[in-house]
Every structure is written in C-alpha cells, then in structure tokens.
Protein backbone atom coordinates (compact mmCIF):
# COMPACT_ATOMS: atom_id res chain seq x y z
CA MET A 1 12.97 -83.75 -1.34
CA LYS A 2 15.79 -82.12 -3.29
CA THR A 3 15.00 -80.08 -6.40
CA VAL A 4 16.95 -81.27 -9.44
CA TYR A 5 17.08 -79.08 -12.52
CA THR A 6 18.02 -79.86 -16.11
CA CYS A 7 17.54 -77.81 -19.26
CA PHE A 8 16.44 -79.20 -22.63
CA CYS A 9 16.75 -77.47 -25.99
CA THR A 10 15.66 -80.35 -28.20
CA ASP A 11 12.68 -80.91 -30.49
CA ILE A 12 13.06 -84.70 -30.44
CA ILE A 13 13.46 -86.82 -27.30
CA HIS A 14 15.91 -89.70 -27.54
CA GLU A 15 17.62 -92.18 -25.22
CA GLY A 16 20.13 -89.61 -23.99
CA HIS A 17 17.42 -87.24 -22.73
CA LEU A 18 15.56 -90.09 -21.03
CA ASN A 19 18.79 -91.13 -19.32
CA ILE A 20 19.27 -87.59 -17.99
CA ILE A 21 15.74 -87.65 -16.53
CA SER A 22 16.31 -91.10 -15.03
CA GLU A 23 19.55 -90.02 -13.35
CA ALA A 24 17.96 -86.77 -12.15
CA ARG A 25 15.03 -88.73 -10.70
CA ARG A 26 17.43 -90.65 -8.46
CA LEU A 27 18.49 -87.35 -6.91
CA GLY A 28 15.10 -85.78 -6.24
CA ARG A 29 12.18 -83.88 -7.75
CA VAL A 30 12.83 -83.19 -11.43
CA VAL A 31 12.28 -79.76 -12.97
CA VAL A 32 12.99 -79.49 -16.69
CA GLY A 33 13.79 -76.14 -18.24
CA CYS A 34 12.58 -75.42 -21.76
CA LEU A 35 15.08 -73.03 -23.36
CA SER A 36 13.10 -70.20 -24.95
CA ASP A 37 13.13 -69.62 -28.69
CA GLU A 38 15.11 -66.39 -28.29
CA ALA A 39 17.81 -68.10 -26.21
CA LEU A 40 17.76 -71.27 -28.30
CA ILE A 41 18.76 -69.62 -31.58
CA ARG A 42 21.81 -68.08 -29.86
CA TYR A 43 22.76 -71.27 -28.06
CA ASN A 44 22.16 -74.17 -30.37
CA LYS A 45 19.99 -74.61 -33.46
CA PHE A 46 16.76 -73.11 -34.68
CA PRO A 47 13.68 -74.90 -33.32
CA THR A 48 11.52 -76.92 -35.70
CA ILE A 49 8.55 -76.89 -33.32
CA SER A 50 7.15 -74.01 -31.30
CA GLN A 51 8.05 -73.21 -27.72
CA GLU A 52 4.56 -74.27 -26.62
CA GLU A 53 4.97 -77.62 -28.39
CA ARG A 54 8.32 -78.19 -26.66
CA LEU A 55 6.74 -77.40 -23.29
CA LYS A 56 3.99 -79.93 -23.97
CA LEU A 57 6.56 -82.53 -25.10
CA TYR A 58 8.68 -82.18 -21.96
CA ARG A 59 5.63 -82.29 -19.67
CA SER A 60 4.60 -85.60 -21.23
CA LEU A 61 7.82 -87.33 -20.20
CA GLU A 62 7.66 -89.86 -17.39
CA GLY A 63 9.65 -88.72 -14.37
CA VAL A 64 9.27 -84.99 -15.00
CA ASP A 65 7.55 -83.14 -12.14
CA GLU A 66 7.56 -79.61 -13.53
CA VAL A 67 8.55 -77.72 -16.68
CA VAL A 68 9.57 -74.05 -16.71
CA ILE A 69 10.78 -71.61 -19.35
CA GLN A 70 14.49 -70.77 -19.26
CA ASN A 71 15.10 -67.40 -20.93
CA ASP A 72 18.81 -67.06 -20.16
CA MET A 73 21.30 -69.51 -21.62
CA LEU A 74 23.53 -68.88 -18.60
CA TYR A 75 20.82 -70.20 -16.20
CA ASP A 76 20.76 -66.99 -14.09
CA ASP A 77 16.97 -66.68 -14.28
CA VAL A 78 16.06 -70.24 -13.29
CA ILE A 79 18.70 -70.58 -10.58
CA ALA A 80 17.54 -67.31 -9.00
CA LEU A 81 13.94 -68.54 -9.17
CA LEU A 82 14.32 -72.19 -8.14
CA HIS A 83 17.58 -72.40 -6.16
CA PRO A 84 17.90 -76.05 -7.25
CA ASP A 85 19.89 -78.40 -5.05
CA CYS A 86 21.37 -80.00 -8.18
CA VAL A 87 21.79 -79.06 -11.81
CA VAL A 88 22.15 -82.10 -14.07
CA HIS A 89 23.62 -81.97 -17.59
CA GLY A 90 25.35 -84.26 -20.06
CA ASP A 91 29.13 -84.12 -19.72
CA ASN A 92 29.46 -82.94 -23.34
CA TRP A 93 29.40 -79.35 -22.06
CA LYS A 94 32.85 -79.85 -20.56
CA GLU A 95 34.27 -79.24 -24.05
CA GLY A 96 33.99 -76.47 -26.62
CA PRO A 97 32.29 -73.09 -26.19
CA GLU A 98 29.73 -74.56 -23.75
CA ARG A 99 32.46 -74.87 -21.11
CA ALA A 100 31.87 -71.20 -20.27
CA ILE A 101 28.21 -71.89 -19.51
CA ARG A 102 29.11 -74.85 -17.30
CA SER A 103 31.64 -72.75 -15.41
CA HIS A 104 29.10 -69.98 -14.85
CA VAL A 105 26.45 -72.42 -13.58
CA SER A 106 29.01 -73.95 -11.22
CA GLU A 107 29.78 -70.52 -9.73
CA LEU A 108 26.06 -69.73 -9.30
CA LEU A 109 25.51 -73.01 -7.44
CA LYS A 110 28.52 -72.50 -5.17
CA GLU A 111 26.94 -69.30 -3.80
CA TYR A 112 24.40 -71.34 -1.84
CA GLY A 113 25.88 -74.84 -1.78
CA GLY A 114 24.19 -76.32 -4.86
CA GLU A 115 25.74 -79.22 -6.75
CA LEU A 116 26.59 -79.66 -10.44
CA VAL A 117 26.19 -83.24 -11.71
CA ASP A 118 27.65 -84.25 -15.09
CA ILE A 119 26.03 -87.32 -16.65
CA PRO A 120 28.02 -89.31 -19.25
CA TYR A 121 26.75 -88.24 -22.67
CA THR A 122 24.76 -90.95 -24.42
CA TYR A 123 25.88 -91.53 -27.99
CA ASN A 124 25.03 -94.62 -30.00
CA ASP A 125 23.67 -95.43 -33.45
CA LYS A 126 20.07 -94.79 -32.41
CA VAL A 127 20.87 -91.40 -30.86
CA ARG A 128 23.04 -90.51 -33.84
CA LYS A 129 20.21 -91.35 -36.22
CA THR A 130 17.81 -89.17 -34.22
CA ASP A 131 20.26 -86.25 -34.35
CA LEU A 132 20.61 -86.70 -38.11
CA LEU A 133 16.81 -86.78 -38.47
CA LEU A 134 16.56 -83.45 -36.66
CA ARG A 135 19.29 -81.92 -38.84
CA GLU A 136 17.54 -83.13 -41.99
CA LYS A 137 14.28 -81.65 -40.75
CA LEU A 138 15.99 -78.29 -40.19
CA ALA A 139 17.34 -78.44 -43.75
CA MET A 140 13.96 -79.11 -45.40
CA PRO A 141 12.77 -76.24 -47.65
CA GLU A 142 9.46 -75.78 -45.83
CA TYR A 143 11.29 -75.24 -42.52
CA ARG A 144 14.31 -73.31 -43.80
CA ARG A 145 12.39 -70.91 -46.07
CA LYS A 146 10.33 -69.31 -43.27
CA ARG A 147 13.22 -69.01 -40.82
CA LEU A 148 14.39 -65.54 -41.87
CA ARG A 149 11.00 -64.01 -41.11
CA GLN A 150 11.00 -65.80 -37.76
CA LEU A 151 14.49 -64.53 -36.94
CA ILE A 152 13.53 -60.94 -37.74
CA SER A 153 10.64 -61.19 -35.29
CA MET A 154 12.75 -62.85 -32.57
CA THR A 155 16.14 -61.10 -32.57
CA PRO A 156 17.32 -57.49 -32.36
CA VAL A 157 19.42 -57.99 -35.49
CA VAL A 158 19.91 -60.93 -37.87
CA LYS A 159 23.63 -61.56 -38.51
CA VAL A 160 24.34 -62.85 -42.01
CA MET A 161 27.69 -64.09 -43.37
CA GLU A 162 28.52 -64.77 -47.01
CA ALA A 163 28.99 -68.33 -48.22
CA HIS A 164 29.99 -69.40 -51.71
CA SER A 165 30.59 -73.15 -51.37
CA GLY A 166 29.66 -76.10 -49.23
CA LEU A 167 32.78 -75.61 -47.08
CA THR A 168 32.16 -71.89 -46.47
CA GLY A 169 28.55 -72.78 -45.72
CA LEU A 170 29.78 -75.16 -43.02
CA ILE A 171 31.97 -72.41 -41.56
CA VAL A 172 28.93 -70.14 -41.28
CA GLU A 173 26.85 -73.01 -39.92
CA LYS A 174 29.26 -74.23 -37.24
CA THR A 175 31.26 -71.22 -36.07
CA VAL A 176 30.32 -70.45 -32.47
CA VAL A 177 32.20 -68.08 -30.17
CA GLU A 178 32.05 -67.62 -26.41
CA GLN A 179 32.39 -64.13 -25.00
CA GLY A 180 31.59 -63.09 -21.48
CA GLY A 181 30.09 -66.51 -20.84
CA ARG A 182 27.62 -66.20 -23.72
CA LEU A 183 27.58 -68.04 -27.02
CA ASP A 184 27.06 -66.35 -30.37
CA GLN A 185 26.80 -67.50 -33.95
CA PHE A 186 25.64 -66.35 -37.38
CA ASP A 187 21.92 -66.52 -38.09
CA ALA A 188 21.88 -66.88 -41.87
CA MET A 189 23.95 -67.09 -45.06
CA TRP A 190 24.32 -64.63 -47.94
CA LEU A 191 24.97 -66.11 -51.38
CA SER A 192 26.72 -63.17 -53.01
CA SER A 193 26.89 -62.95 -56.78
CA LEU A 194 30.32 -61.33 -56.40
CA CYS A 195 31.71 -64.18 -54.30
CA ASP A 196 29.99 -66.89 -56.36
CA SER A 197 31.41 -65.38 -59.56
CA THR A 198 34.86 -64.88 -58.03
CA ALA A 199 34.99 -68.50 -56.83
CA LYS A 200 34.37 -69.52 -60.45
CA GLY A 201 37.00 -67.09 -61.77
CA LYS A 202 34.39 -64.97 -63.55
CA PRO A 203 33.77 -61.19 -63.46
CA ASP A 204 30.89 -59.87 -61.35
CA ILE A 205 28.70 -58.77 -64.28
CA GLU A 206 25.86 -61.32 -64.05
CA LEU A 207 27.93 -63.57 -66.31
CA VAL A 208 27.38 -66.69 -64.17
CA ASP A 209 23.95 -67.96 -65.18
CA MET A 210 21.20 -68.98 -62.79
CA THR A 211 21.67 -72.69 -63.45
CA SER A 212 25.22 -72.43 -62.14
CA ARG A 213 24.21 -70.27 -59.21
CA PHE A 214 21.43 -72.71 -58.29
CA ARG A 215 24.08 -75.44 -58.23
CA THR A 216 25.94 -73.41 -55.59
CA ILE A 217 22.73 -73.13 -53.58
CA ASP A 218 22.37 -76.93 -53.72
CA ASP A 219 26.00 -77.42 -52.61
CA ILE A 220 25.48 -75.20 -49.57
CA MET A 221 21.99 -76.35 -48.62
CA GLU A 222 22.95 -80.00 -48.81
CA VAL A 223 25.28 -79.61 -45.81
CA THR A 224 23.70 -76.77 -43.79
CA THR A 225 20.46 -75.82 -42.05
CA LYS A 226 20.57 -72.03 -41.71
CA PRO A 227 18.40 -69.75 -43.86
CA MET A 228 19.82 -68.26 -47.04
CA ILE A 229 19.47 -64.82 -48.62
CA PHE A 230 20.20 -64.84 -52.34
CA ASP A 231 21.89 -61.96 -54.14
CA GLY A 232 19.74 -61.61 -57.25
CA ASP A 233 21.74 -58.70 -58.79
CA THR A 234 19.29 -56.72 -60.96
CA GLY A 235 16.91 -59.66 -61.23
CA GLY A 236 17.40 -59.64 -65.02
CA LEU A 237 14.42 -59.34 -67.30
CA THR A 238 11.11 -59.25 -65.47
CA GLU A 239 9.91 -62.18 -67.56
CA HIS A 240 12.89 -64.20 -66.30
CA PHE A 241 12.78 -62.93 -62.73
CA VAL A 242 9.41 -64.53 -62.01
CA TYR A 243 10.94 -67.94 -62.72
CA THR A 244 13.87 -67.14 -60.48
CA VAL A 245 11.48 -66.35 -57.62
CA ARG A 246 9.62 -69.63 -58.09
CA SER A 247 12.87 -71.62 -58.23
CA LEU A 248 14.37 -69.99 -55.14
CA GLU A 249 11.15 -70.46 -53.21
CA ARG A 250 10.97 -74.12 -54.15
CA MET A 251 14.61 -74.67 -53.10
CA GLY A 252 13.96 -73.25 -49.64
CA VAL A 253 15.77 -69.93 -50.01
CA SER A 254 14.36 -67.38 -47.55
CA ALA A 255 14.81 -64.17 -49.53
CA VAL A 256 16.14 -62.64 -52.72
CA ILE A 257 17.57 -59.13 -52.89
CA ILE A 258 17.49 -57.28 -56.21
CA GLU A 259 19.05 -53.89 -56.89
CA ASP A 260 17.47 -51.01 -58.79
CA LYS A 261 20.02 -50.89 -61.62
CA LYS A 262 19.77 -51.96 -65.24
CA GLY A 263 22.06 -52.71 -68.14
CA LEU A 264 25.48 -54.29 -67.67
CA LYS A 265 25.84 -54.84 -63.93
CA LYS A 266 28.99 -53.50 -62.21
CA ASN A 267 29.83 -53.96 -58.55
CA SER A 268 28.32 -51.17 -56.45
CA LEU A 269 31.51 -50.51 -54.51
CA PHE A 270 32.96 -48.95 -57.68
CA GLY A 271 30.40 -46.20 -57.05
CA THR A 272 30.39 -43.50 -59.75
CA GLY A 273 33.79 -44.73 -60.93
CA ALA A 274 32.00 -47.23 -63.17
CA ASP A 275 29.32 -46.55 -65.75
CA GLN A 276 26.13 -47.67 -63.98
CA THR A 277 22.49 -46.92 -64.79
CA GLN A 278 19.77 -46.83 -62.19
CA ALA A 279 16.40 -48.22 -63.21
CA SER A 280 13.42 -45.89 -62.99
CA VAL A 281 11.11 -46.22 -60.03
CA GLU A 282 8.39 -47.51 -62.37
CA GLU A 283 10.66 -50.21 -63.82
CA MET A 284 11.77 -51.44 -60.41
CA CYS A 285 8.22 -51.41 -59.01
CA ALA A 286 6.97 -53.41 -61.98
CA LYS A 287 9.64 -56.05 -61.35
CA LEU A 288 8.82 -56.19 -57.65
CA ARG A 289 5.11 -56.59 -58.33
CA ALA A 290 5.77 -59.36 -60.85
CA GLY A 291 7.99 -61.18 -58.36
CA LYS A 292 5.40 -60.97 -55.61
CA GLU A 293 2.65 -62.19 -57.92
CA ALA A 294 4.78 -65.20 -58.87
CA GLN A 295 5.42 -66.09 -55.23
CA LEU A 296 3.42 -69.03 -53.88
CA THR A 297 4.10 -68.93 -50.12
CA ASP A 298 3.97 -66.23 -47.48
CA ASP A 299 7.39 -67.31 -46.19
CA PHE A 300 9.57 -66.03 -49.03
CA MET A 301 10.84 -62.43 -48.93
CA LEU A 302 11.60 -60.09 -51.81
CA ILE A 303 13.93 -57.29 -50.69
CA ALA A 304 14.63 -54.19 -52.78
CA ARG A 305 18.17 -52.82 -52.79
CA ILE A 306 18.50 -49.06 -53.29
CA GLU A 307 21.55 -47.71 -55.13
CA SER A 308 20.76 -43.99 -54.87
CA LEU A 309 23.45 -43.23 -52.28
CA ILE A 310 26.04 -45.23 -54.21
CA LEU A 311 25.25 -43.30 -57.38
CA GLU A 312 25.12 -39.96 -55.52
CA LYS A 313 21.47 -39.35 -56.36
CA GLY A 314 20.82 -38.03 -52.86
CA MET A 315 18.89 -38.95 -49.74
CA GLU A 316 15.51 -37.77 -51.00
CA ASP A 317 15.76 -40.03 -54.03
CA ALA A 318 16.71 -42.99 -51.81
CA LEU A 319 13.78 -42.41 -49.47
CA SER A 320 11.19 -41.84 -52.18
CA ARG A 321 12.29 -45.06 -53.86
CA ALA A 322 12.12 -46.96 -50.58
CA PHE A 323 8.53 -45.97 -49.92
CA ALA A 324 7.55 -46.69 -53.54
CA TYR A 325 9.16 -50.14 -53.41
CA VAL A 326 7.36 -51.04 -50.19
CA GLU A 327 4.10 -49.88 -51.79
CA ALA A 328 4.87 -52.16 -54.76
CA GLY A 329 5.16 -55.15 -52.43
CA ALA A 330 8.80 -55.31 -51.30
CA ASP A 331 9.11 -57.23 -48.02
CA GLY A 332 12.23 -55.34 -47.03
CA ILE A 333 14.62 -52.57 -48.04
CA MET A 334 18.39 -52.81 -48.37
CA ILE A 335 20.20 -49.49 -48.30
CA HIS A 336 23.71 -49.49 -49.76
CA SER A 337 26.56 -47.05 -49.27
CA CYS A 338 30.25 -46.98 -50.17
CA ARG A 339 31.14 -44.21 -47.71
CA PRO A 340 33.75 -45.08 -45.05
CA GLU A 341 31.44 -43.90 -42.28
CA PRO A 342 27.81 -44.88 -41.57
CA ALA A 343 26.29 -41.38 -41.25
CA GLU A 344 24.21 -41.48 -44.43
CA VAL A 345 22.98 -44.99 -43.69
CA PHE A 346 21.93 -43.85 -40.22
CA GLU A 347 20.14 -40.84 -41.68
CA PHE A 348 18.30 -42.99 -44.22
CA CYS A 349 17.21 -45.48 -41.56
CA ASP A 350 16.09 -42.80 -39.11
CA ARG A 351 14.02 -40.99 -41.71
CA PHE A 352 12.58 -44.21 -43.14
CA ARG A 353 11.55 -45.32 -39.65
CA GLU A 354 9.71 -42.02 -39.07
CA ARG A 355 7.13 -43.21 -41.62
CA ASP A 356 7.58 -46.99 -41.64
CA LYS A 357 8.10 -48.73 -38.30
CA THR A 358 7.88 -52.33 -39.47
CA THR A 359 9.38 -53.01 -42.93
CA PRO A 360 12.74 -54.76 -42.37
CA ILE A 361 15.88 -52.84 -43.30
CA ALA A 362 19.09 -54.60 -44.39
CA ALA A 363 22.54 -52.99 -44.29
CA VAL A 364 25.88 -54.15 -45.67
CA PRO A 365 28.71 -52.54 -43.65
CA THR A 366 31.54 -53.36 -46.05
CA SER A 367 33.05 -49.90 -46.51
CA TYR A 368 31.80 -48.46 -43.21
CA ASN A 369 33.17 -51.42 -41.28
CA THR A 370 33.73 -49.76 -37.90
CA VAL A 371 30.01 -49.72 -37.16
CA THR A 372 28.67 -52.38 -34.81
CA GLU A 373 25.52 -54.46 -35.13
CA ASP A 374 24.08 -52.80 -32.03
CA GLU A 375 24.63 -49.34 -33.52
CA LEU A 376 22.87 -50.34 -36.73
CA ALA A 377 20.01 -51.93 -34.79
CA ALA A 378 19.61 -48.71 -32.79
CA HIS A 379 18.79 -46.96 -36.07
CA GLY A 380 16.22 -49.56 -37.10
CA VAL A 381 18.34 -52.04 -39.09
CA ASN A 382 17.05 -55.62 -38.84
CA ILE A 383 19.53 -57.51 -41.05
CA VAL A 384 23.32 -57.01 -41.15
CA ILE A 385 25.08 -58.72 -44.06
CA TYR A 386 28.82 -59.41 -44.07
CA ALA A 387 28.86 -59.71 -47.82
CA ASN A 388 32.33 -60.84 -48.89
CA GLN A 389 34.67 -61.21 -45.90
CA LEU A 390 35.28 -64.97 -46.21
CA THR A 391 36.26 -64.61 -49.86
CA ARG A 392 38.52 -61.65 -49.13
CA SER A 393 40.24 -63.44 -46.25
CA ALA A 394 40.82 -66.64 -48.23
CA PHE A 395 42.42 -65.04 -51.31
CA PRO A 396 45.50 -63.42 -49.68
CA ALA A 397 46.11 -66.53 -47.56
CA MET A 398 46.05 -68.81 -50.61
CA GLN A 399 48.19 -66.42 -52.67
CA LYS A 400 50.80 -66.20 -49.88
CA THR A 401 50.92 -70.01 -49.65
CA ALA A 402 51.45 -70.35 -53.39
CA GLU A 403 54.23 -67.72 -53.34
CA ASP A 404 56.03 -69.38 -50.41
CA ILE A 405 56.02 -72.82 -52.04
CA LEU A 406 57.51 -71.27 -55.19
CA ARG A 407 60.03 -69.28 -53.15
CA TYR A 408 61.29 -72.12 -50.92
CA HIS A 409 60.65 -75.06 -53.29
CA ARG A 410 58.97 -76.96 -50.45
CA ALA A 411 55.81 -76.72 -48.32
CA LYS A 412 57.37 -76.44 -44.82
CA GLU A 413 57.20 -72.63 -44.52
CA ALA A 414 53.59 -72.59 -45.68
CA ASP A 415 52.55 -75.53 -43.50
CA ASP A 416 53.67 -73.74 -40.33
CA ARG A 417 50.69 -71.38 -40.58
CA LEU A 418 48.12 -73.73 -42.12
CA MET A 419 45.21 -75.46 -40.40
CA PRO A 420 45.69 -79.24 -40.19
CA ILE A 421 43.61 -81.07 -42.79
CA LYS A 422 42.05 -83.12 -39.96
CA SER A 423 40.58 -79.92 -38.50
CA ILE A 424 38.98 -79.04 -41.83
CA ILE A 425 37.60 -82.55 -42.32
CA SER A 426 36.06 -82.41 -38.84
CA LEU A 427 33.65 -79.74 -40.15
CA ILE A 428 32.15 -82.27 -42.52
CA ASP A 429 29.49 -84.56 -41.11
CA GLU A 430 29.50 -88.22 -42.07
CA LEU A 431 26.29 -90.19 -42.46
C-alpha cells in the first residue's frame, strides 16, 4: 500500500482537514505530520494548544494511520524519513509565500518518483467561522499575554516591530517573506511611546496620558493576535505605575519596559545632547519591586531599560544596575546605546552573560543598524526591537505625496508610486 503524507499545523479540525484525510485515504496509508511548535511559529500562527495536544488530536481522527512530528517547514526531515509515495496538501499553497515550500517539496519528491497531489481548498461559511474562532482565541488576553515568554524559550531571537495603530499592527501581523525557500515573520509588536506620541502629533515627553495609550493598545489588539511589548517610558510615579501594570496585564500585554530615568522624559537618542537625569539604583529597584508585587499572573514580564551607556556613565555602571534590577525582580534587561556600532552592546551582553545565563536581554539596534539578529543572538540577546522604522518610513512618503500634489495640482504623479487602496483594504479582515 502506498504511503500518503500530509502535514497539519492547526489547533482546530474542520471540514477542510477532514476532506484532505478523506482524499489521502483514497490513495493509500495516511501519515499526518504535526508541525512542531518551533517550526509552526515561523510558518503560520502561534499554537493555542501544546504540541502533545495536537499530536493527540490528529491521532484521534478517523482515517489517520500514523502521526509524526515534522520539525522542518520545508519537509526535508519527513521526506528523508518516510519517502512517501504521495504528499497531499490543499491547493492554497500554490499562491503567496508558501509557493516556495510547495516547489521545494515537489523537487524532493522528483528525486525518487514521488507525487505531489493538490486538493481543492475547502472554504465555506462553516470553515470560515472556525478560522475566525481560532483567530479570536489567539487574540484572547490569557493566550496572548504568555506568548512572549513562550517565544523566548522556543526561538533563538524574538523579532519585534513597532506598531502605533490598527493598520500598522496588521502590517506586523501579516507580513511574511520567503527567502531561500523558508518563511519568516515578526514575532511580536512594540508599542513605542515615541511613535504613539508622534502619530498623535505630540512631543515624546510622556505627554500622551495612559488612557490615550491604552486606546491605542485596544485598536491594535482588536485586529491582531501577536504579543505586545509596551514602552512604559519611566513608568511615572511608583504609586501610578502599579496601576499601569495591572491594566496592561488585564489587557493581555506581554511585557512593559521602563527606563531608569526621572524628571521630564526626553528621547534617549538625543544622548547627552538633552538634559536627562538618571534615577538612582534604589529608586529604580523600588519601582520594579512595586510593579512585581502588583502583578497577578506569572505570564507578564517587567523589563528594566538601562540608560547608562546613553548617558555616558560607563560599562561598570550599566552592569551593576543590571544585576541590581534583576535582584529587584526584573524579568529582563534592555540595554540601550546610541553609538553607530554595536561594540559596547556586545561587551555589555558578554559580561552580563558571564554571571547571568538566563535573564532575557533586549536590544534596540536603531543607531547601530548594521548588526544582524544572528550577531546579537550570538552575544546572548533574546529580543530584538525595531522601535520606530514603520513611523520613519511613512513620514517621508506622506510628505513627498503632499508636496507633489501641491506642485502638480493633481494626484497623478503621486499615484504612480502609491499602493492601490484595494491592496490596503485586503489587510483588513471582514467578519
């Protein structure tokens, strides 16, 4: 009997999956691959049930003879192991970034005469409702909040892109690229105070109050599923910060990052060119302890941002603060630098890792933008935040469009380089 292989990456079985199994059964013995958690988060969406639960679910399906783990989204591991006579998949992978995976599987099968069978994708109201149910489950606070910790434990580096509106949240959520046959996407979103303030036309001095910033969180979370890291600036007064922690936790935010400065907040990239005051170690530790005491779940993370390198206080000051903040309860450390090269960030990470092997480190390669994620990860960085690139790319494009319309007294010259409105609307899901 022929061996027929198909791979599932779903948490909920619907009519489309059952149809795949039924069609595969006509061809021979059915082996279902369960895409591993590590591969799944690169390929599709974050799982809402464990890998073991997915294995159990697939084994329970009528018509399935065997279930195996698939660790490689390109199928190399399972095809080398099983040499299936047929690989069955829905024909939806003929379009979009998944085409590269289909092409790779086809080449692997050709090497020994295997066959690729595309089954018409099942899409009806019932399937659509099931897909929406899964998306809503992914968006629920109790699932979203814990996802950052899970990502840190599952991936070499967590890639985070800034979002400051529902639309930019959708860009972070849905942007997938194919390179070398592999798919990649962002893991999480960063709600920057700078970008949130800029979108509202306000200076980045903690002028936008928390009520307004929470509204931005709602706008983004309503249309996305990925975890969010919140830029908490200085955290404000300790008495206020404890309420911020509770509110963020309740909303499903995964982490808040607060910086060890006090007084009127100025953007760190001004460095010593702006009058900025660093809080004492004791003040920052007291705020961290208060935040952790206010926290109700183990999922939420409180990350301490160190400004010592920005303010030219030296490496020893940065390191001593880092160890003190971890002792005070910080779940992670963010080291900031405005140098154009990453040398001091590397040094900090290397020396921190000599004493602390486990506390997550976050880096923000805005000024030292030639460094790669792999290079940062090699020095112990767990989270890489692209803190303001969407905002910075949008502003010059919009300004150029406005200038051209004024210059030519029509929209034609601007329209030639603009994305069609239909393409933008396609990002937005309809119920």
